[in-house]
Amino acid sequence: MAYKITDKCIKCGACEPMCPVGAISFKDGKYVIDPETCASCGMCASVCPVGAPQSE
């Protein structure tokens, strides 16, 4: 299942460069994950200091 970035996000940007498929972007003042592109690999969750990316 695709990952989603929750409200825990502190907008540090650590997740964006770690996504191997480029599913993470910064839009409207927050990071979002495109569920259609997300490969559900969990790389974003592994680098997030606050655990914001969660599997849906």
N, C-alpha and C. Protein backbone atom coordinates (compact mmCIF):
# COMPACT_ATOMS: atom_id res chain seq x y z
N MET A 1 0.83 -1.19 0.00
CA MET A 1 0.00 0.00 0.00
C MET A 1 0.88 1.25 0.00
N ALA A 2 0.40 2.28 -0.62
CA ALA A 2 1.14 3.53 -0.72
C ALA A 2 1.31 4.20 0.64
N TYR A 3 2.35 5.02 0.74
CA TYR A 3 2.60 5.78 1.95
C TYR A 3 1.94 7.15 1.83
N LYS A 4 1.64 7.73 2.99
CA LYS A 4 1.06 9.07 3.06
C LYS A 4 1.81 9.82 4.14
N ILE A 5 2.06 11.10 3.94
CA ILE A 5 2.75 11.90 4.94
C ILE A 5 1.71 12.53 5.86
N THR A 6 1.80 12.22 7.13
CA THR A 6 0.82 12.68 8.11
C THR A 6 1.15 14.08 8.61
N ASP A 7 0.29 14.58 9.47
CA ASP A 7 0.46 15.92 10.05
C ASP A 7 1.66 16.02 10.99
N LYS A 8 2.31 14.90 11.29
CA LYS A 8 3.52 14.92 12.12
C LYS A 8 4.69 15.59 11.40
N CYS A 9 4.59 15.73 10.09
CA CYS A 9 5.67 16.23 9.25
C CYS A 9 6.18 17.59 9.73
N ILE A 10 7.51 17.71 9.86
CA ILE A 10 8.13 18.98 10.26
C ILE A 10 8.77 19.68 9.07
N LYS A 11 8.51 19.19 7.89
CA LYS A 11 8.98 19.80 6.63
C LYS A 11 10.50 19.90 6.53
N CYS A 12 11.19 18.89 7.02
CA CYS A 12 12.66 18.90 6.97
C CYS A 12 13.19 18.55 5.59
N GLY A 13 12.40 17.83 4.79
CA GLY A 13 12.80 17.49 3.43
C GLY A 13 13.68 16.26 3.30
N ALA A 14 13.92 15.53 4.38
CA ALA A 14 14.78 14.35 4.32
C ALA A 14 14.21 13.26 3.42
N CYS A 15 12.92 13.18 3.34
CA CYS A 15 12.27 12.10 2.58
C CYS A 15 12.35 12.26 1.06
N GLU A 16 12.23 13.49 0.60
CA GLU A 16 12.12 13.72 -0.84
C GLU A 16 13.27 13.12 -1.66
N PRO A 17 14.54 13.37 -1.31
CA PRO A 17 15.62 12.80 -2.13
C PRO A 17 15.78 11.29 -1.96
N MET A 18 15.18 10.72 -0.93
CA MET A 18 15.31 9.28 -0.69
C MET A 18 14.33 8.45 -1.52
N CYS A 19 13.30 9.08 -2.07
CA CYS A 19 12.29 8.33 -2.82
C CYS A 19 12.87 7.89 -4.17
N PRO A 20 12.99 6.57 -4.39
CA PRO A 20 13.60 6.08 -5.63
C PRO A 20 12.73 6.29 -6.87
N VAL A 21 11.45 6.57 -6.68
CA VAL A 21 10.57 6.76 -7.83
C VAL A 21 10.06 8.20 -7.97
N GLY A 22 10.55 9.10 -7.15
CA GLY A 22 10.19 10.50 -7.25
C GLY A 22 8.74 10.81 -6.91
N ALA A 23 8.17 10.06 -5.98
CA ALA A 23 6.76 10.24 -5.64
C ALA A 23 6.51 11.37 -4.65
N ILE A 24 7.56 11.91 -4.04
CA ILE A 24 7.40 12.94 -3.01
C ILE A 24 7.69 14.31 -3.59
N SER A 25 6.79 15.24 -3.29
CA SER A 25 6.98 16.62 -3.74
C SER A 25 6.47 17.58 -2.66
N PHE A 26 6.90 18.83 -2.76
CA PHE A 26 6.48 19.87 -1.82
C PHE A 26 5.44 20.73 -2.51
N LYS A 27 4.21 20.65 -2.03
CA LYS A 27 3.10 21.39 -2.64
C LYS A 27 2.27 22.07 -1.57
N ASP A 28 1.91 23.31 -1.83
CA ASP A 28 1.05 24.06 -0.91
C ASP A 28 1.57 24.07 0.51
N GLY A 29 2.89 24.17 0.66
CA GLY A 29 3.50 24.28 1.98
C GLY A 29 3.67 22.99 2.75
N LYS A 30 3.53 21.84 2.07
CA LYS A 30 3.74 20.57 2.76
C LYS A 30 4.24 19.51 1.77
N TYR A 31 4.86 18.47 2.32
CA TYR A 31 5.31 17.35 1.50
C TYR A 31 4.16 16.38 1.30
N VAL A 32 4.03 15.90 0.09
CA VAL A 32 2.98 14.95 -0.25
C VAL A 32 3.58 13.80 -1.06
N ILE A 33 2.92 12.66 -0.99
CA ILE A 33 3.33 11.49 -1.75
C ILE A 33 2.24 11.16 -2.75
N ASP A 34 2.61 11.05 -4.01
CA ASP A 34 1.66 10.66 -5.06
C ASP A 34 1.39 9.16 -4.92
N PRO A 35 0.18 8.78 -4.54
CA PRO A 35 -0.11 7.36 -4.31
C PRO A 35 -0.01 6.51 -5.58
N GLU A 36 -0.18 7.13 -6.74
CA GLU A 36 -0.08 6.39 -7.99
C GLU A 36 1.37 6.06 -8.34
N THR A 37 2.30 6.86 -7.85
CA THR A 37 3.72 6.67 -8.14
C THR A 37 4.43 5.89 -7.04
N CYS A 38 3.97 6.01 -5.81
CA CYS A 38 4.61 5.38 -4.65
C CYS A 38 4.79 3.88 -4.85
N ALA A 39 6.02 3.41 -4.60
CA ALA A 39 6.34 1.99 -4.74
C ALA A 39 6.21 1.24 -3.41
N SER A 40 5.78 1.93 -2.36
CA SER A 40 5.59 1.33 -1.03
C SER A 40 6.87 0.70 -0.48
N CYS A 41 8.01 1.31 -0.79
CA CYS A 41 9.29 0.74 -0.36
C CYS A 41 9.64 1.09 1.09
N GLY A 42 9.09 2.20 1.58
CA GLY A 42 9.35 2.61 2.96
C GLY A 42 10.62 3.41 3.18
N MET A 43 11.31 3.78 2.11
CA MET A 43 12.54 4.56 2.26
C MET A 43 12.26 5.90 2.94
N CYS A 44 11.14 6.52 2.61
CA CYS A 44 10.80 7.80 3.22
C CYS A 44 10.61 7.65 4.73
N ALA A 45 9.94 6.61 5.12
CA ALA A 45 9.69 6.37 6.54
C ALA A 45 10.98 6.06 7.28
N SER A 46 11.92 5.42 6.60
CA SER A 46 13.18 5.04 7.27
C SER A 46 14.07 6.22 7.58
N VAL A 47 13.92 7.34 6.87
CA VAL A 47 14.77 8.51 7.11
C VAL A 47 14.05 9.62 7.86
N CYS A 48 12.76 9.53 8.03
CA CYS A 48 12.00 10.59 8.67
C CYS A 48 12.27 10.62 10.18
N PRO A 49 12.71 11.79 10.70
CA PRO A 49 13.03 11.87 12.13
C PRO A 49 11.81 11.86 13.05
N VAL A 50 10.61 12.07 12.49
CA VAL A 50 9.42 12.11 13.33
C VAL A 50 8.37 11.05 12.96
N GLY A 51 8.68 10.18 12.02
CA GLY A 51 7.77 9.10 11.64
C GLY A 51 6.52 9.57 10.91
N ALA A 52 6.63 10.65 10.14
CA ALA A 52 5.45 11.19 9.46
C ALA A 52 4.93 10.31 8.32
N PRO A 53 5.78 9.71 7.48
CA PRO A 53 5.23 8.84 6.43
C PRO A 53 4.68 7.54 7.04
N GLN A 54 3.45 7.26 6.72
CA GLN A 54 2.79 6.06 7.22
C GLN A 54 2.19 5.29 6.05
N SER A 55 2.20 3.97 6.16
CA SER A 55 1.58 3.13 5.14
C SER A 55 0.07 3.25 5.27
N GLU A 56 -0.61 3.43 4.14
CA GLU A 56 -2.08 3.57 4.17
C GLU A 56 -2.74 2.21 4.27
